[in-house]
N, C-alpha and C. Protein backbone atom coordinates (compact mmCIF):
# COMPACT_ATOMS: atom_id res chain seq x y z
N MET A 1 0.85 -1.18 0.00
CA MET A 1 0.00 0.00 0.00
C MET A 1 0.89 1.24 0.00
N PHE A 2 0.43 2.29 -0.67
CA PHE A 2 1.20 3.52 -0.77
C PHE A 2 0.94 4.41 0.44
N ASP A 3 2.00 5.07 0.92
CA ASP A 3 1.88 5.98 2.04
C ASP A 3 1.79 7.43 1.61
N SER A 4 2.10 7.71 0.37
CA SER A 4 2.08 9.09 -0.09
C SER A 4 1.15 9.25 -1.28
N THR A 5 0.74 10.47 -1.49
CA THR A 5 -0.15 10.80 -2.61
C THR A 5 0.68 10.97 -3.86
N ILE A 6 0.21 10.39 -4.96
CA ILE A 6 0.89 10.54 -6.24
C ILE A 6 0.52 11.90 -6.81
N LYS A 7 1.52 12.62 -7.31
CA LYS A 7 1.28 13.94 -7.89
C LYS A 7 1.37 13.86 -9.41
N PHE A 8 0.41 14.50 -10.06
CA PHE A 8 0.39 14.59 -11.52
C PHE A 8 0.82 15.98 -11.92
N LYS A 9 1.55 16.08 -13.02
CA LYS A 9 1.93 17.38 -13.54
C LYS A 9 1.72 17.35 -15.05
N LEU A 10 0.96 18.30 -15.55
CA LEU A 10 0.69 18.41 -16.98
C LEU A 10 1.46 19.61 -17.52
N ASP A 11 1.96 19.48 -18.73
CA ASP A 11 2.61 20.64 -19.33
C ASP A 11 1.61 21.41 -20.18
N ALA A 12 1.94 22.66 -20.44
CA ALA A 12 1.02 23.55 -21.16
C ALA A 12 0.73 23.04 -22.57
N GLU A 13 1.72 22.46 -23.22
CA GLU A 13 1.53 21.98 -24.59
C GLU A 13 0.50 20.86 -24.65
N SER A 14 0.55 19.93 -23.70
CA SER A 14 -0.41 18.84 -23.72
C SER A 14 -1.83 19.36 -23.46
N ASN A 15 -1.97 20.43 -22.68
CA ASN A 15 -3.28 21.03 -22.44
C ASN A 15 -3.85 21.62 -23.72
N VAL A 16 -3.01 22.26 -24.52
CA VAL A 16 -3.46 22.84 -25.79
C VAL A 16 -3.88 21.73 -26.74
N ASP A 17 -3.08 20.67 -26.84
CA ASP A 17 -3.42 19.55 -27.71
C ASP A 17 -4.72 18.90 -27.26
N MET A 18 -4.89 18.75 -25.95
CA MET A 18 -6.10 18.15 -25.41
C MET A 18 -7.31 19.02 -25.74
N LYS A 19 -7.17 20.32 -25.58
CA LYS A 19 -8.28 21.24 -25.87
C LYS A 19 -8.64 21.20 -27.35
N ASN A 20 -7.65 21.19 -28.22
CA ASN A 20 -7.92 21.14 -29.66
C ASN A 20 -8.62 19.84 -30.04
N ALA A 21 -8.13 18.72 -29.52
CA ALA A 21 -8.73 17.42 -29.83
C ALA A 21 -10.16 17.36 -29.30
N LEU A 22 -10.35 17.84 -28.08
CA LEU A 22 -11.68 17.82 -27.48
C LEU A 22 -12.65 18.71 -28.26
N SER A 23 -12.18 19.84 -28.73
CA SER A 23 -13.01 20.73 -29.55
C SER A 23 -13.42 20.07 -30.86
N GLU A 24 -12.49 19.38 -31.49
CA GLU A 24 -12.80 18.68 -32.74
C GLU A 24 -13.82 17.56 -32.50
N VAL A 25 -13.66 16.83 -31.41
CA VAL A 25 -14.61 15.77 -31.07
C VAL A 25 -15.98 16.37 -30.81
N TYR A 26 -16.02 17.44 -30.04
CA TYR A 26 -17.27 18.14 -29.73
C TYR A 26 -17.98 18.56 -31.02
N ASN A 27 -17.25 19.19 -31.92
CA ASN A 27 -17.83 19.66 -33.18
C ASN A 27 -18.35 18.50 -34.04
N ALA A 28 -17.62 17.40 -34.07
CA ALA A 28 -18.05 16.24 -34.84
C ALA A 28 -19.35 15.68 -34.27
N LEU A 29 -19.46 15.64 -32.94
CA LEU A 29 -20.69 15.16 -32.31
C LEU A 29 -21.87 16.07 -32.63
N VAL A 30 -21.65 17.37 -32.59
CA VAL A 30 -22.70 18.34 -32.92
C VAL A 30 -23.14 18.14 -34.37
N GLU A 31 -22.18 18.03 -35.28
CA GLU A 31 -22.51 17.88 -36.70
C GLU A 31 -23.32 16.62 -36.98
N LYS A 32 -23.08 15.58 -36.19
CA LYS A 32 -23.82 14.33 -36.38
C LYS A 32 -25.16 14.32 -35.64
N GLY A 33 -25.45 15.40 -34.90
CA GLY A 33 -26.74 15.52 -34.24
C GLY A 33 -26.81 14.95 -32.83
N TYR A 34 -25.67 14.63 -32.24
CA TYR A 34 -25.64 14.11 -30.88
C TYR A 34 -25.56 15.25 -29.88
N ASP A 35 -25.94 14.98 -28.63
CA ASP A 35 -25.72 15.92 -27.54
C ASP A 35 -24.27 15.69 -27.09
N PRO A 36 -23.36 16.58 -27.44
CA PRO A 36 -21.93 16.33 -27.20
C PRO A 36 -21.57 16.19 -25.72
N ILE A 37 -22.25 16.93 -24.86
CA ILE A 37 -21.93 16.84 -23.43
C ILE A 37 -22.30 15.46 -22.90
N ASN A 38 -23.50 15.00 -23.21
CA ASN A 38 -23.91 13.66 -22.76
C ASN A 38 -23.00 12.57 -23.30
N GLN A 39 -22.63 12.68 -24.56
CA GLN A 39 -21.77 11.66 -25.16
C GLN A 39 -20.38 11.67 -24.53
N LEU A 40 -19.83 12.86 -24.31
CA LEU A 40 -18.50 12.96 -23.70
C LEU A 40 -18.51 12.47 -22.25
N VAL A 41 -19.54 12.79 -21.51
CA VAL A 41 -19.65 12.30 -20.13
C VAL A 41 -19.73 10.77 -20.13
N GLY A 42 -20.53 10.21 -21.02
CA GLY A 42 -20.62 8.76 -21.13
C GLY A 42 -19.27 8.13 -21.41
N TYR A 43 -18.53 8.74 -22.32
CA TYR A 43 -17.19 8.22 -22.64
C TYR A 43 -16.25 8.35 -21.44
N ILE A 44 -16.23 9.51 -20.80
CA ILE A 44 -15.31 9.72 -19.68
C ILE A 44 -15.60 8.74 -18.54
N LEU A 45 -16.87 8.52 -18.25
CA LEU A 45 -17.23 7.62 -17.15
C LEU A 45 -16.95 6.15 -17.47
N SER A 46 -17.17 5.76 -18.70
CA SER A 46 -17.09 4.34 -19.05
C SER A 46 -15.83 3.95 -19.81
N GLU A 47 -15.20 4.90 -20.46
CA GLU A 47 -14.08 4.68 -21.38
C GLU A 47 -14.52 3.81 -22.57
N ASP A 48 -15.80 3.81 -22.85
CA ASP A 48 -16.35 3.07 -23.99
C ASP A 48 -16.33 4.00 -25.20
N PRO A 49 -15.47 3.73 -26.18
CA PRO A 49 -15.33 4.64 -27.33
C PRO A 49 -16.56 4.72 -28.21
N THR A 50 -17.52 3.81 -28.04
CA THR A 50 -18.71 3.87 -28.89
C THR A 50 -19.61 5.05 -28.55
N TYR A 51 -19.35 5.74 -27.45
CA TYR A 51 -20.07 6.98 -27.16
C TYR A 51 -19.69 8.09 -28.14
N ILE A 52 -18.56 7.93 -28.81
CA ILE A 52 -18.02 8.96 -29.70
C ILE A 52 -18.13 8.47 -31.14
N THR A 53 -18.61 9.32 -32.01
CA THR A 53 -18.75 8.99 -33.43
C THR A 53 -17.39 8.80 -34.10
N ASN A 54 -17.38 8.02 -35.16
CA ASN A 54 -16.17 7.89 -35.99
C ASN A 54 -16.03 9.06 -36.95
N TYR A 55 -17.11 9.81 -37.11
CA TYR A 55 -17.13 10.94 -38.03
C TYR A 55 -15.97 11.89 -37.75
N LYS A 56 -15.27 12.28 -38.81
CA LYS A 56 -14.13 13.18 -38.74
C LYS A 56 -13.04 12.69 -37.78
N ASN A 57 -12.92 11.37 -37.67
CA ASN A 57 -11.87 10.74 -36.88
C ASN A 57 -11.98 11.07 -35.38
N ALA A 58 -13.20 11.42 -34.93
CA ALA A 58 -13.40 11.85 -33.55
C ALA A 58 -13.07 10.75 -32.54
N ARG A 59 -13.41 9.52 -32.84
CA ARG A 59 -13.14 8.43 -31.90
C ARG A 59 -11.64 8.23 -31.70
N THR A 60 -10.89 8.34 -32.76
CA THR A 60 -9.43 8.22 -32.64
C THR A 60 -8.86 9.38 -31.84
N LEU A 61 -9.37 10.57 -32.07
CA LEU A 61 -8.89 11.75 -31.34
C LEU A 61 -9.15 11.63 -29.84
N ILE A 62 -10.36 11.21 -29.46
CA ILE A 62 -10.70 11.15 -28.04
C ILE A 62 -9.86 10.09 -27.33
N ARG A 63 -9.50 9.03 -28.02
CA ARG A 63 -8.71 7.97 -27.39
C ARG A 63 -7.26 8.38 -27.18
N ARG A 64 -6.83 9.46 -27.82
CA ARG A 64 -5.47 9.98 -27.60
C ARG A 64 -5.37 10.81 -26.32
N ILE A 65 -6.52 11.19 -25.79
CA ILE A 65 -6.55 12.00 -24.58
C ILE A 65 -6.58 11.09 -23.36
N ASP A 66 -5.66 11.31 -22.45
CA ASP A 66 -5.64 10.55 -21.21
C ASP A 66 -6.82 11.03 -20.34
N ARG A 67 -7.69 10.11 -19.96
CA ARG A 67 -8.88 10.49 -19.20
C ARG A 67 -8.53 11.11 -17.86
N ASP A 68 -7.50 10.62 -17.19
CA ASP A 68 -7.10 11.21 -15.90
C ASP A 68 -6.66 12.66 -16.08
N GLU A 69 -5.89 12.91 -17.11
CA GLU A 69 -5.44 14.28 -17.38
C GLU A 69 -6.63 15.18 -17.74
N LEU A 70 -7.55 14.64 -18.51
CA LEU A 70 -8.75 15.40 -18.89
C LEU A 70 -9.57 15.77 -17.65
N LEU A 71 -9.82 14.79 -16.80
CA LEU A 71 -10.58 15.06 -15.58
C LEU A 71 -9.88 16.08 -14.69
N GLN A 72 -8.57 15.95 -14.59
CA GLN A 72 -7.80 16.89 -13.78
C GLN A 72 -7.96 18.31 -14.33
N GLU A 73 -7.84 18.46 -15.63
CA GLU A 73 -7.95 19.78 -16.24
C GLU A 73 -9.37 20.33 -16.12
N LEU A 74 -10.37 19.48 -16.29
CA LEU A 74 -11.76 19.92 -16.14
C LEU A 74 -12.03 20.42 -14.73
N LEU A 75 -11.54 19.70 -13.73
CA LEU A 75 -11.72 20.14 -12.35
C LEU A 75 -10.99 21.44 -12.07
N ARG A 76 -9.79 21.56 -12.61
CA ARG A 76 -9.01 22.77 -12.42
C ARG A 76 -9.76 23.98 -12.99
N LYS A 77 -10.31 23.84 -14.19
CA LYS A 77 -11.07 24.94 -14.81
C LYS A 77 -12.37 25.21 -14.06
N TYR A 78 -13.06 24.17 -13.64
CA TYR A 78 -14.34 24.33 -12.96
C TYR A 78 -14.14 25.04 -11.61
N LEU A 79 -13.07 24.69 -10.92
CA LEU A 79 -12.82 25.27 -9.59
C LEU A 79 -11.97 26.55 -9.65
N ASP A 80 -11.56 26.94 -10.83
CA ASP A 80 -10.72 28.13 -11.03
C ASP A 80 -9.46 28.09 -10.17
N VAL A 81 -8.76 26.96 -10.20
CA VAL A 81 -7.51 26.85 -9.44
C VAL A 81 -6.35 26.60 -10.36
């Protein structure tokens, strides 16, 4: 068992890449008529790529994003920290 907390550190470049990829996935979901927020939440919670359309290579893009890093960044933005 671990006695210390593991620390994650993200670099600014990976945040930009993550934001660009997430924006492209979001737009592809909108274009296909899906509710992008519901679909992305489903993917984040389950890691099931079928929540994301293949349209415009969106499924491949979302799988390049580390879910832990994404959740960390989302919390950071939501909490303004």
